[in-house]
């Protein structure tokens, strides 16, 4: 029987983003395969987490592409990105807390994503719309933090999922927009 790797990673992401301590047995059951089959494709939890990292990076890159970051003004691009990234927010939140992923340096995929996001914030600063007293790198970290916190809050039922895009975008933009008052 051929195993659909994408399906296994999607199931693992769904479970682990809700409960980081999900066992390999639970992941195998959710994917509709045996634990032995899961272990043939992922030698252990570490290998699964590394594959999930690649999966999360790929999904977030697709969200960035769909958001058309280079079109229109930076604030509009940021709103689109929040909307497009919401489906992958839980996986990203889980990955951010997986310290093992950062023990031997940062995956080059994260660096590419960070560069794209930082460029968006820098563009907003250059356009005069975003504050310049906060670095574009810091705004990138703030974006990830809000996205992850929003995913956890929605999962726990503390925030309505349909309000998440608006809440994240407006809080972030409210804090980074440059005030025209002197």
N, C-alpha and C. Protein backbone atom coordinates (compact mmCIF):
# COMPACT_ATOMS: atom_id res chain seq x y z
N UNK A 1 0.85 -1.18 0.00
CA UNK A 1 0.00 0.00 0.00
C UNK A 1 0.89 1.24 0.00
N UNK A 2 0.66 2.15 -0.92
CA UNK A 2 1.42 3.39 -0.98
C UNK A 2 0.91 4.36 0.08
N UNK A 3 1.84 4.98 0.74
CA UNK A 3 1.49 5.94 1.79
C UNK A 3 1.57 7.34 1.20
N UNK A 4 0.50 8.10 1.39
CA UNK A 4 0.45 9.48 0.94
C UNK A 4 1.13 10.34 2.00
N UNK A 5 2.37 10.70 1.73
CA UNK A 5 3.18 11.47 2.69
C UNK A 5 2.50 12.78 3.07
N UNK A 6 1.92 13.46 2.09
CA UNK A 6 1.22 14.73 2.35
C UNK A 6 0.08 14.51 3.34
N UNK A 7 -0.66 13.42 3.16
CA UNK A 7 -1.76 13.11 4.07
C UNK A 7 -1.24 12.86 5.49
N UNK A 8 -0.18 12.11 5.61
CA UNK A 8 0.39 11.81 6.93
C UNK A 8 0.85 13.11 7.60
N UNK A 9 1.54 13.97 6.86
CA UNK A 9 2.02 15.23 7.44
C UNK A 9 0.85 16.16 7.80
N UNK A 10 -0.18 16.15 6.99
CA UNK A 10 -1.36 16.97 7.30
C UNK A 10 -2.02 16.49 8.58
N UNK A 11 -2.15 15.18 8.73
CA UNK A 11 -2.75 14.63 9.95
C UNK A 11 -1.87 14.91 11.17
N UNK A 12 -0.56 14.73 11.00
CA UNK A 12 0.37 15.00 12.10
C UNK A 12 0.30 16.47 12.51
N UNK A 13 0.26 17.34 11.52
CA UNK A 13 0.19 18.78 11.81
C UNK A 13 -1.09 19.12 12.56
N UNK A 14 -2.20 18.54 12.12
CA UNK A 14 -3.48 18.82 12.78
C UNK A 14 -3.45 18.36 14.24
N UNK A 15 -2.91 17.19 14.49
CA UNK A 15 -2.86 16.68 15.86
C UNK A 15 -1.86 17.43 16.71
N UNK A 16 -0.65 17.60 16.21
CA UNK A 16 0.40 18.23 16.99
C UNK A 16 0.14 19.71 17.25
N UNK A 17 -0.57 20.36 16.35
CA UNK A 17 -0.88 21.77 16.58
C UNK A 17 -1.93 21.93 17.66
N UNK A 18 -2.68 20.87 17.93
CA UNK A 18 -3.66 20.91 19.02
C UNK A 18 -3.08 20.39 20.33
N UNK A 19 -2.16 19.40 20.21
CA UNK A 19 -1.57 18.81 21.41
C UNK A 19 -0.16 18.34 21.07
N UNK A 20 0.82 19.09 21.54
CA UNK A 20 2.23 18.84 21.18
C UNK A 20 2.73 17.48 21.65
N UNK A 21 2.08 16.88 22.62
CA UNK A 21 2.52 15.59 23.15
C UNK A 21 1.86 14.40 22.45
N UNK A 22 1.19 14.64 21.34
CA UNK A 22 0.56 13.55 20.60
C UNK A 22 1.59 12.47 20.29
N UNK A 23 1.20 11.23 20.50
CA UNK A 23 2.13 10.11 20.29
C UNK A 23 2.18 9.71 18.83
N UNK A 24 3.23 8.98 18.48
CA UNK A 24 3.36 8.45 17.13
C UNK A 24 2.20 7.48 16.83
N UNK A 25 1.75 6.71 17.83
CA UNK A 25 0.61 5.82 17.64
C UNK A 25 -0.64 6.60 17.23
N UNK A 26 -0.88 7.71 17.92
CA UNK A 26 -2.06 8.52 17.61
C UNK A 26 -1.96 9.12 16.20
N UNK A 27 -0.78 9.54 15.83
CA UNK A 27 -0.58 10.10 14.49
C UNK A 27 -0.82 9.02 13.44
N UNK A 28 -0.28 7.83 13.66
CA UNK A 28 -0.48 6.73 12.71
C UNK A 28 -1.97 6.41 12.56
N UNK A 29 -2.69 6.33 13.69
CA UNK A 29 -4.13 6.04 13.62
C UNK A 29 -4.87 7.12 12.83
N UNK A 30 -4.56 8.38 13.10
CA UNK A 30 -5.23 9.48 12.41
C UNK A 30 -4.95 9.45 10.91
N UNK A 31 -3.76 9.02 10.54
CA UNK A 31 -3.38 8.93 9.12
C UNK A 31 -3.89 7.66 8.46
N UNK A 32 -4.44 6.75 9.26
CA UNK A 32 -4.98 5.51 8.70
C UNK A 32 -3.92 4.50 8.33
N UNK A 33 -2.78 4.55 9.03
CA UNK A 33 -1.70 3.60 8.78
C UNK A 33 -1.26 3.00 10.11
N UNK A 34 -0.46 1.95 10.02
CA UNK A 34 0.06 1.33 11.25
C UNK A 34 1.26 2.13 11.76
N UNK A 35 1.58 1.93 13.02
CA UNK A 35 2.75 2.59 13.60
C UNK A 35 4.02 2.14 12.86
N UNK A 36 4.07 0.86 12.49
CA UNK A 36 5.25 0.34 11.77
C UNK A 36 5.41 1.05 10.43
N UNK A 37 4.31 1.28 9.74
CA UNK A 37 4.37 1.99 8.46
C UNK A 37 4.83 3.43 8.68
N UNK A 38 4.31 4.07 9.71
CA UNK A 38 4.74 5.43 10.04
C UNK A 38 6.24 5.47 10.28
N UNK A 39 6.75 4.48 11.02
CA UNK A 39 8.19 4.45 11.32
C UNK A 39 9.04 4.11 10.10
N UNK A 40 8.48 3.43 9.11
CA UNK A 40 9.23 3.19 7.88
C UNK A 40 9.43 4.49 7.10
N UNK A 41 8.50 5.41 7.24
CA UNK A 41 8.60 6.69 6.52
C UNK A 41 9.28 7.78 7.35
N UNK A 42 9.16 7.69 8.66
CA UNK A 42 9.76 8.66 9.58
C UNK A 42 10.38 7.86 10.71
N UNK A 43 11.70 7.81 10.76
CA UNK A 43 12.43 6.93 11.69
C UNK A 43 12.05 7.13 13.15
N UNK A 44 11.49 8.25 13.47
CA UNK A 44 11.08 8.54 14.84
C UNK A 44 10.44 9.91 14.89
N UNK A 45 10.14 10.33 16.10
CA UNK A 45 9.47 11.62 16.28
C UNK A 45 10.32 12.77 15.70
N UNK A 46 11.63 12.72 15.92
CA UNK A 46 12.50 13.79 15.42
C UNK A 46 12.41 13.89 13.90
N UNK A 47 12.44 12.77 13.22
CA UNK A 47 12.35 12.78 11.76
C UNK A 47 10.98 13.30 11.31
N UNK A 48 9.95 12.94 12.02
CA UNK A 48 8.61 13.43 11.68
C UNK A 48 8.53 14.95 11.88
N UNK A 49 9.08 15.43 12.98
CA UNK A 49 9.06 16.87 13.26
C UNK A 49 9.86 17.62 12.19
N UNK A 50 10.99 17.07 11.79
CA UNK A 50 11.79 17.72 10.73
C UNK A 50 11.02 17.76 9.41
N UNK A 51 10.33 16.67 9.09
CA UNK A 51 9.52 16.65 7.87
C UNK A 51 8.35 17.63 7.99
N UNK A 52 7.78 17.71 9.17
CA UNK A 52 6.70 18.64 9.42
C UNK A 52 7.18 20.09 9.30
N UNK A 53 8.42 20.34 9.71
CA UNK A 53 8.99 21.67 9.55
C UNK A 53 9.04 22.04 8.07
N UNK A 54 9.53 21.13 7.24
CA UNK A 54 9.58 21.40 5.79
C UNK A 54 8.17 21.63 5.25
N UNK A 55 7.23 20.84 5.72
CA UNK A 55 5.83 20.96 5.31
C UNK A 55 5.29 22.34 5.71
N UNK A 56 5.54 22.78 6.94
CA UNK A 56 5.08 24.08 7.41
C UNK A 56 5.71 25.22 6.65
N UNK A 57 7.00 25.11 6.37
CA UNK A 57 7.70 26.13 5.59
C UNK A 57 7.09 26.23 4.19
N UNK A 58 6.85 25.09 3.58
CA UNK A 58 6.27 25.07 2.24
C UNK A 58 4.87 25.69 2.24
N UNK A 59 4.05 25.33 3.23
CA UNK A 59 2.69 25.88 3.30
C UNK A 59 2.69 27.38 3.55
N UNK A 60 3.61 27.87 4.40
CA UNK A 60 3.67 29.30 4.66
C UNK A 60 4.19 30.04 3.43
N UNK A 61 5.12 29.45 2.72
CA UNK A 61 5.61 30.06 1.47
C UNK A 61 4.47 30.18 0.46
N UNK A 62 3.63 29.14 0.38
CA UNK A 62 2.46 29.21 -0.53
C UNK A 62 1.50 30.31 -0.08
N UNK A 63 1.33 30.46 1.23
CA UNK A 63 0.46 31.54 1.75
C UNK A 63 1.02 32.90 1.37
N UNK A 64 2.34 33.04 1.45
CA UNK A 64 2.97 34.30 1.06
C UNK A 64 2.76 34.57 -0.43
N UNK A 65 2.90 33.53 -1.24
CA UNK A 65 2.68 33.69 -2.68
C UNK A 65 1.24 34.11 -2.95
N UNK A 66 0.29 33.45 -2.30
CA UNK A 66 -1.12 33.74 -2.50
C UNK A 66 -1.47 35.15 -2.04
N UNK A 67 -0.75 35.66 -1.05
CA UNK A 67 -1.02 37.01 -0.53
C UNK A 67 -0.49 38.11 -1.44
N UNK A 68 0.30 37.76 -2.43
CA UNK A 68 0.84 38.73 -3.39
C UNK A 68 1.48 39.90 -2.65
N UNK A 69 2.53 39.62 -1.92
CA UNK A 69 3.16 40.60 -1.04
C UNK A 69 3.69 41.83 -1.76
N UNK A 70 3.98 41.72 -3.03
CA UNK A 70 4.53 42.86 -3.77
C UNK A 70 3.47 43.74 -4.40
N UNK A 71 2.20 43.35 -4.27
CA UNK A 71 1.13 44.14 -4.89
C UNK A 71 0.52 45.11 -3.89
N UNK A 72 0.19 46.30 -4.38
CA UNK A 72 -0.49 47.29 -3.55
C UNK A 72 0.39 47.81 -2.43
N UNK A 73 -0.24 48.44 -1.46
CA UNK A 73 0.53 48.98 -0.35
C UNK A 73 0.85 47.87 0.65
N UNK A 74 1.83 48.12 1.51
CA UNK A 74 2.30 47.11 2.46
C UNK A 74 1.21 46.70 3.45
N UNK A 75 0.39 47.65 3.89
CA UNK A 75 -0.68 47.32 4.84
C UNK A 75 -1.68 46.36 4.22
N UNK A 76 -2.04 46.59 2.98
CA UNK A 76 -2.96 45.68 2.29
C UNK A 76 -2.34 44.30 2.11
N UNK A 77 -1.06 44.28 1.77
CA UNK A 77 -0.36 42.99 1.62
C UNK A 77 -0.31 42.25 2.95
N UNK A 78 -0.10 42.99 4.03
CA UNK A 78 -0.07 42.35 5.36
C UNK A 78 -1.43 41.76 5.72
N UNK A 79 -2.49 42.48 5.42
CA UNK A 79 -3.83 41.94 5.69
C UNK A 79 -4.07 40.66 4.89
N UNK A 80 -3.66 40.68 3.62
CA UNK A 80 -3.82 39.47 2.79
C UNK A 80 -3.01 38.32 3.35
N UNK A 81 -1.79 38.63 3.81
CA UNK A 81 -0.94 37.57 4.36
C UNK A 81 -1.55 36.96 5.61
N UNK A 82 -2.08 37.76 6.48
CA UNK A 82 -2.72 37.22 7.69
C UNK A 82 -3.85 36.28 7.29
N UNK A 83 -4.66 36.68 6.33
CA UNK A 83 -5.78 35.86 5.88
C UNK A 83 -5.30 34.54 5.27
N UNK A 84 -4.26 34.61 4.42
CA UNK A 84 -3.75 33.42 3.75
C UNK A 84 -3.00 32.50 4.71
N UNK A 85 -2.37 33.08 5.72
CA UNK A 85 -1.55 32.29 6.65
C UNK A 85 -2.37 31.63 7.75
N UNK A 86 -3.59 32.06 7.95
CA UNK A 86 -4.40 31.52 9.06
C UNK A 86 -4.50 29.99 9.04
N UNK A 87 -4.70 29.35 7.88
CA UNK A 87 -4.79 27.88 7.90
C UNK A 87 -3.51 27.17 8.37
N UNK A 88 -2.36 27.80 8.24
CA UNK A 88 -1.10 27.18 8.65
C UNK A 88 -0.63 27.71 10.01
N UNK A 89 -1.38 28.62 10.60
CA UNK A 89 -0.97 29.27 11.86
C UNK A 89 -0.73 28.27 12.98
N UNK A 90 -1.59 27.28 13.13
CA UNK A 90 -1.42 26.31 14.20
C UNK A 90 -0.15 25.49 14.05
N UNK A 91 0.16 25.09 12.84
CA UNK A 91 1.39 24.33 12.58
C UNK A 91 2.60 25.21 12.88
N UNK A 92 2.56 26.46 12.44
CA UNK A 92 3.68 27.37 12.71
C UNK A 92 3.85 27.57 14.22
N UNK A 93 2.74 27.74 14.93
CA UNK A 93 2.82 27.92 16.38
C UNK A 93 3.47 26.71 17.04
N UNK A 94 3.11 25.52 16.60
CA UNK A 94 3.73 24.30 17.13
C UNK A 94 5.22 24.28 16.80
N UNK A 95 5.58 24.58 15.55
CA UNK A 95 6.98 24.52 15.14
C UNK A 95 7.84 25.54 15.89
N UNK A 96 7.29 26.72 16.17
CA UNK A 96 8.05 27.74 16.89
C UNK A 96 8.46 27.27 18.27
N UNK A 97 7.67 26.36 18.86
CA UNK A 97 7.96 25.89 20.22
C UNK A 97 8.83 24.64 20.23
N UNK A 98 9.12 24.09 19.08
CA UNK A 98 9.95 22.89 18.99
C UNK A 98 11.42 23.27 19.00
N UNK A 99 11.99 23.38 20.17
CA UNK A 99 13.38 23.82 20.31
C UNK A 99 14.37 22.95 19.54
N UNK A 100 14.06 21.68 19.37
CA UNK A 100 14.98 20.79 18.66
C UNK A 100 15.23 21.28 17.24
N UNK A 101 14.29 22.03 16.69
CA UNK A 101 14.46 22.52 15.32
C UNK A 101 15.53 23.60 15.22
N UNK A 102 15.88 24.20 16.34
CA UNK A 102 16.79 25.33 16.31
C UNK A 102 18.13 25.04 16.99
N UNK A 103 18.35 23.79 17.36
CA UNK A 103 19.58 23.42 18.07
C UNK A 103 20.82 23.53 17.18
N UNK A 104 20.70 23.23 15.91
CA UNK A 104 21.85 23.25 15.01
C UNK A 104 21.75 24.35 13.97
N UNK A 105 21.19 25.48 14.37
CA UNK A 105 21.02 26.59 13.43
C UNK A 105 19.63 26.56 12.82
N UNK A 106 19.32 27.61 12.13
CA UNK A 106 17.99 27.78 11.56
C UNK A 106 17.94 27.19 10.16
N UNK A 107 16.88 26.47 9.87
CA UNK A 107 16.62 25.91 8.55
C UNK A 107 16.62 27.05 7.53
N UNK A 108 17.25 26.84 6.42
CA UNK A 108 17.34 27.88 5.38
C UNK A 108 15.96 28.30 4.89
N UNK A 109 15.00 27.41 4.96
CA UNK A 109 13.63 27.75 4.56
C UNK A 109 13.05 28.85 5.44
N UNK A 110 13.30 28.76 6.75
CA UNK A 110 12.83 29.83 7.65
C UNK A 110 13.50 31.14 7.27
N UNK A 111 14.77 31.10 6.98
CA UNK A 111 15.51 32.32 6.64
C UNK A 111 14.91 32.97 5.39
N UNK A 112 14.51 32.17 4.41
CA UNK A 112 13.89 32.72 3.20
C UNK A 112 12.53 33.37 3.53
N UNK A 113 11.75 32.70 4.36
CA UNK A 113 10.45 33.25 4.75
C UNK A 113 10.64 34.54 5.54
N UNK A 114 11.57 34.51 6.49
CA UNK A 114 11.85 35.70 7.29
C UNK A 114 12.26 36.86 6.40
N UNK A 115 13.10 36.59 5.40
CA UNK A 115 13.56 37.65 4.50
C UNK A 115 12.39 38.27 3.73
N UNK A 116 11.49 37.44 3.28
CA UNK A 116 10.32 37.96 2.54
C UNK A 116 9.43 38.81 3.43
N UNK A 117 9.20 38.33 4.65
CA UNK A 117 8.35 39.06 5.58
C UNK A 117 9.01 40.36 6.03
N UNK A 118 10.30 40.29 6.32
CA UNK A 118 11.04 41.49 6.72
C UNK A 118 11.03 42.52 5.59
N UNK A 119 11.14 42.06 4.34
CA UNK A 119 11.09 42.97 3.20
C UNK A 119 9.74 43.68 3.11
N UNK A 120 8.67 42.98 3.45
CA UNK A 120 7.35 43.60 3.46
C UNK A 120 7.30 44.73 4.49
N UNK A 121 7.80 44.45 5.70
CA UNK A 121 7.78 45.49 6.72
C UNK A 121 8.70 46.66 6.34
N UNK A 122 9.84 46.35 5.76
CA UNK A 122 10.76 47.39 5.33
C UNK A 122 10.10 48.27 4.26
N UNK A 123 9.39 47.64 3.35
CA UNK A 123 8.68 48.38 2.31
C UNK A 123 7.66 49.33 2.93
N UNK A 124 6.91 48.84 3.93
CA UNK A 124 5.95 49.69 4.61
C UNK A 124 6.61 50.87 5.29
N UNK A 125 7.82 50.65 5.81
CA UNK A 125 8.58 51.75 6.41
C UNK A 125 9.04 52.74 5.35
N UNK A 126 9.52 52.23 4.25
CA UNK A 126 9.99 53.09 3.16
C UNK A 126 8.85 53.88 2.53
N UNK A 127 7.66 53.29 2.51
CA UNK A 127 6.49 53.99 1.97
C UNK A 127 6.00 55.06 2.95
N UNK A 128 6.54 55.07 4.17
CA UNK A 128 6.13 56.04 5.17
C UNK A 128 4.90 55.65 5.95
N UNK A 129 4.44 54.40 5.77
CA UNK A 129 3.22 53.95 6.44
C UNK A 129 3.50 53.26 7.78
N UNK A 130 4.64 52.58 7.89
CA UNK A 130 4.97 51.85 9.12
C UNK A 130 6.02 52.61 9.91
N UNK A 131 5.96 52.46 11.20
CA UNK A 131 6.92 53.10 12.10
C UNK A 131 8.34 52.66 11.77
N UNK A 132 9.27 53.60 11.90
CA UNK A 132 10.67 53.29 11.63
C UNK A 132 11.46 53.10 12.93
N UNK A 133 10.83 53.38 14.07
CA UNK A 133 11.53 53.18 15.34
C UNK A 133 11.49 51.72 15.79
N UNK A 134 10.75 50.89 15.08
CA UNK A 134 10.72 49.44 15.33
C UNK A 134 11.36 48.78 14.11
N UNK A 135 12.35 47.95 14.33
CA UNK A 135 13.04 47.35 13.18
C UNK A 135 12.12 46.39 12.43
N UNK A 136 12.37 46.24 11.16
CA UNK A 136 11.60 45.31 10.33
C UNK A 136 11.77 43.88 10.84
N UNK A 137 12.94 43.58 11.39
CA UNK A 137 13.16 42.24 11.96
C UNK A 137 12.25 42.03 13.17
N UNK A 138 12.15 43.05 14.02
CA UNK A 138 11.28 42.93 15.20
C UNK A 138 9.82 42.78 14.77
N UNK A 139 9.40 43.52 13.74
CA UNK A 139 8.02 43.42 13.26
C UNK A 139 7.75 42.01 12.71
N UNK A 140 8.76 41.41 12.10
CA UNK A 140 8.63 40.03 11.63
C UNK A 140 8.38 39.09 12.80
N UNK A 141 9.17 39.24 13.86
CA UNK A 141 8.97 38.40 15.06
C UNK A 141 7.61 38.64 15.68
N UNK A 142 7.16 39.90 15.72
CA UNK A 142 5.85 40.23 16.27
C UNK A 142 4.74 39.57 15.45
N UNK A 143 4.90 39.58 14.13
CA UNK A 143 3.93 38.92 13.26
C UNK A 143 3.80 37.45 13.63
N UNK A 144 4.94 36.75 13.71
CA UNK A 144 4.90 35.33 14.04
C UNK A 144 4.27 35.10 15.41
N UNK A 145 4.62 35.96 16.37
CA UNK A 145 4.06 35.82 17.71
C UNK A 145 2.55 35.97 17.73
N UNK A 146 2.04 36.99 17.06
CA UNK A 146 0.59 37.19 17.01
C UNK A 146 -0.11 36.07 16.25
N UNK A 147 0.49 35.63 15.17
CA UNK A 147 -0.11 34.54 14.40
C UNK A 147 -0.20 33.27 15.24
N UNK A 148 0.89 32.94 15.93
CA UNK A 148 0.88 31.75 16.78
C UNK A 148 -0.07 31.88 17.95
N UNK A 149 -0.05 33.04 18.63
CA UNK A 149 -0.95 33.25 19.76
C UNK A 149 -2.40 33.18 19.32
N UNK A 150 -2.68 33.76 18.17
CA UNK A 150 -4.05 33.71 17.64
C UNK A 150 -4.50 32.29 17.35
N UNK A 151 -3.60 31.49 16.79
CA UNK A 151 -3.95 30.09 16.50
C UNK A 151 -4.28 29.34 17.77
N UNK A 152 -3.46 29.51 18.81
CA UNK A 152 -3.72 28.82 20.08
C UNK A 152 -5.02 29.33 20.71
N UNK A 153 -5.26 30.63 20.69
CA UNK A 153 -6.47 31.19 21.28
C UNK A 153 -7.72 30.68 20.57
N UNK A 154 -7.66 30.60 19.25
CA UNK A 154 -8.80 30.08 18.49
C UNK A 154 -9.01 28.60 18.79
N UNK A 155 -7.93 27.85 18.87
CA UNK A 155 -8.03 26.42 19.17
C UNK A 155 -8.66 26.20 20.54
N UNK A 156 -8.29 27.01 21.50
CA UNK A 156 -8.81 26.86 22.86
C UNK A 156 -10.20 27.47 23.03
N UNK A 157 -10.73 28.10 21.99
CA UNK A 157 -12.07 28.67 22.05
C UNK A 157 -12.14 30.03 22.73
N UNK A 158 -11.00 30.63 22.96
CA UNK A 158 -10.98 31.95 23.61
C UNK A 158 -11.23 33.07 22.61
N UNK A 159 -11.02 32.79 21.33
CA UNK A 159 -11.23 33.75 20.25
C UNK A 159 -11.97 33.02 19.14
N UNK A 160 -12.95 33.69 18.56
CA UNK A 160 -13.68 33.09 17.45
C UNK A 160 -12.76 33.04 16.23
N UNK A 161 -12.68 31.87 15.61
CA UNK A 161 -11.81 31.69 14.45
C UNK A 161 -12.12 32.70 13.34
N UNK A 162 -13.41 33.00 13.14
CA UNK A 162 -13.76 33.93 12.06
C UNK A 162 -13.34 35.37 12.37
N UNK A 163 -12.98 35.67 13.61
CA UNK A 163 -12.48 37.00 13.98
C UNK A 163 -10.96 37.09 13.94
N UNK A 164 -10.30 35.97 13.75
CA UNK A 164 -8.86 35.90 13.91
C UNK A 164 -8.10 36.78 12.91
N UNK A 165 -8.43 36.70 11.64
CA UNK A 165 -7.72 37.50 10.63
C UNK A 165 -7.79 38.99 10.97
N UNK A 166 -9.00 39.44 11.23
CA UNK A 166 -9.21 40.86 11.54
C UNK A 166 -8.45 41.24 12.81
N UNK A 167 -8.56 40.44 13.85
CA UNK A 167 -7.93 40.75 15.14
C UNK A 167 -6.41 40.86 15.01
N UNK A 168 -5.80 39.91 14.33
CA UNK A 168 -4.34 39.92 14.18
C UNK A 168 -3.91 41.12 13.33
N UNK A 169 -4.53 41.29 12.18
CA UNK A 169 -4.12 42.36 11.27
C UNK A 169 -4.32 43.73 11.91
N UNK A 170 -5.44 43.94 12.56
CA UNK A 170 -5.70 45.26 13.13
C UNK A 170 -4.82 45.55 14.34
N UNK A 171 -4.56 44.55 15.17
CA UNK A 171 -3.67 44.79 16.31
C UNK A 171 -2.26 45.09 15.82
N UNK A 172 -1.79 44.31 14.88
CA UNK A 172 -0.44 44.53 14.36
C UNK A 172 -0.35 45.88 13.65
N UNK A 173 -1.28 46.15 12.76
CA UNK A 173 -1.23 47.42 12.03
C UNK A 173 -1.45 48.62 12.97
N UNK A 174 -2.29 48.46 13.98
CA UNK A 174 -2.50 49.54 14.94
C UNK A 174 -1.22 49.89 15.69
N UNK A 175 -0.38 48.90 15.90
CA UNK A 175 0.88 49.14 16.61
C UNK A 175 2.02 49.59 15.73
N UNK A 176 1.95 49.29 14.43
CA UNK A 176 3.10 49.62 13.59
C UNK A 176 2.85 50.79 12.64
N UNK A 177 1.60 51.18 12.52
CA UNK A 177 1.32 52.29 11.62
C UNK A 177 1.95 53.56 12.17
N UNK A 178 2.50 54.30 11.29
CA UNK A 178 3.16 55.56 11.65
C UNK A 178 2.10 56.62 11.92
N UNK A 179 2.23 57.27 13.05
CA UNK A 179 1.32 58.33 13.42
C UNK A 179 1.69 59.59 12.66
N UNK A 180 0.72 60.26 12.12
CA UNK A 180 0.98 61.49 11.38
C UNK A 180 0.95 62.71 12.29
N UNK A 181 0.64 62.49 13.57
CA UNK A 181 0.62 63.60 14.54
C UNK A 181 2.04 63.94 14.95
N UNK A 182 2.29 65.18 15.21
CA UNK A 182 3.62 65.62 15.66
C UNK A 182 3.61 65.95 17.11
